[in-house]
């Protein structure tokens, strides 16, 4: 989960709090080699829900 959170944090830098724009598909592509895609999708969802 930390890797997902770290990547999303890097993507958030420079964005205004009320105008957060993160593409979950872009994050998934970064983790394309991961075997457990469902876990990655779940982690992305958790982190995005926390920052919105």
C-alpha atoms as a PDB file:
ATOM      1  CA  UNK A   1       0.000   0.000   0.000  1.00  0.00           C
ATOM      2  CA  UNK A   2       2.875   2.342   0.681  1.00  0.00           C
ATOM      3  CA  UNK A   3       4.098   2.204  -2.905  1.00  0.00           C
ATOM      4  CA  UNK A   4       0.638   3.171  -4.172  1.00  0.00           C
ATOM      5  CA  UNK A   5       0.369   5.984  -1.637  1.00  0.00           C
ATOM      6  CA  UNK A   6       3.857   7.246  -2.488  1.00  0.00           C
ATOM      7  CA  UNK A   7       3.114   7.322  -6.210  1.00  0.00           C
ATOM      8  CA  UNK A   8      -0.201   9.121  -5.710  1.00  0.00           C
ATOM      9  CA  UNK A   9       1.491  11.602  -3.368  1.00  0.00           C
ATOM     10  CA  UNK A  10       4.026  12.422  -6.081  1.00  0.00           C
ATOM     11  CA  UNK A  11       1.180  12.957  -8.565  1.00  0.00           C
ATOM     12  CA  UNK A  12      -0.601  15.271  -6.103  1.00  0.00           C
ATOM     13  CA  UNK A  13       2.323  17.633  -5.653  1.00  0.00           C
ATOM     14  CA  UNK A  14       1.481  21.049  -7.063  1.00  0.00           C
ATOM     15  CA  UNK A  15      -2.269  20.382  -7.304  1.00  0.00           C
ATOM     16  CA  UNK A  16      -4.774  22.543  -5.447  1.00  0.00           C
ATOM     17  CA  UNK A  17      -6.716  20.776  -2.693  1.00  0.00           C
ATOM     18  CA  UNK A  18     -10.111  21.396  -4.272  1.00  0.00           C
ATOM     19  CA  UNK A  19      -8.991  20.413  -7.769  1.00  0.00           C
ATOM     20  CA  UNK A  20      -7.290  17.054  -7.292  1.00  0.00           C
ATOM     21  CA  UNK A  21      -6.933  15.123 -10.523  1.00  0.00           C
ATOM     22  CA  UNK A  22      -5.534  11.596 -10.433  1.00  0.00           C
ATOM     23  CA  UNK A  23      -6.113   9.001 -13.142  1.00  0.00           C
ATOM     24  CA  UNK A  24      -6.430   5.546 -11.510  1.00  0.00           C
ATOM     25  CA  UNK A  25      -5.624   3.863 -14.838  1.00  0.00           C
ATOM     26  CA  UNK A  26      -2.281   5.680 -14.940  1.00  0.00           C
ATOM     27  CA  UNK A  27      -1.462   4.359 -11.490  1.00  0.00           C
ATOM     28  CA  UNK A  28      -2.469   0.825 -12.532  1.00  0.00           C
ATOM     29  CA  UNK A  29      -0.184   1.001 -15.564  1.00  0.00           C
ATOM     30  CA  UNK A  30       2.728   1.839 -13.276  1.00  0.00           C
ATOM     31  CA  UNK A  31       2.048  -1.393 -11.350  1.00  0.00           C
ATOM     32  CA  UNK A  32       1.442  -3.499 -14.478  1.00  0.00           C
ATOM     33  CA  UNK A  33       3.920  -6.171 -13.338  1.00  0.00           C
ATOM     34  CA  UNK A  34       2.061  -6.834 -10.080  1.00  0.00           C
ATOM     35  CA  UNK A  35       0.315 -10.201  -9.987  1.00  0.00           C
ATOM     36  CA  UNK A  36      -2.510  -9.217  -7.642  1.00  0.00           C
ATOM     37  CA  UNK A  37      -4.277  -6.516  -9.673  1.00  0.00           C
ATOM     38  CA  UNK A  38      -7.355  -6.534  -7.430  1.00  0.00           C
ATOM     39  CA  UNK A  39      -5.255  -5.612  -4.406  1.00  0.00           C
ATOM     40  CA  UNK A  40      -3.638  -2.742  -6.303  1.00  0.00           C
ATOM     41  CA  UNK A  41      -7.053  -1.468  -7.457  1.00  0.00           C
ATOM     42  CA  UNK A  42      -8.329  -1.638  -3.886  1.00  0.00           C
ATOM     43  CA  UNK A  43      -5.304   0.237  -2.557  1.00  0.00           C
ATOM     44  CA  UNK A  44      -5.682   2.940  -5.201  1.00  0.00           C
ATOM     45  CA  UNK A  45      -9.321   3.341  -4.219  1.00  0.00           C
ATOM     46  CA  UNK A  46      -8.466   3.613  -0.514  1.00  0.00           C
ATOM     47  CA  UNK A  47      -5.788   6.242  -1.062  1.00  0.00           C
ATOM     48  CA  UNK A  48      -7.886   8.292  -3.510  1.00  0.00           C
ATOM     49  CA  UNK A  49     -10.861   8.258  -1.141  1.00  0.00           C
ATOM     50  CA  UNK A  50      -8.598   9.499   1.642  1.00  0.00           C
ATOM     51  CA  UNK A  51      -7.320  12.479  -0.332  1.00  0.00           C
ATOM     52  CA  UNK A  52     -10.619  13.586  -1.826  1.00  0.00           C
END
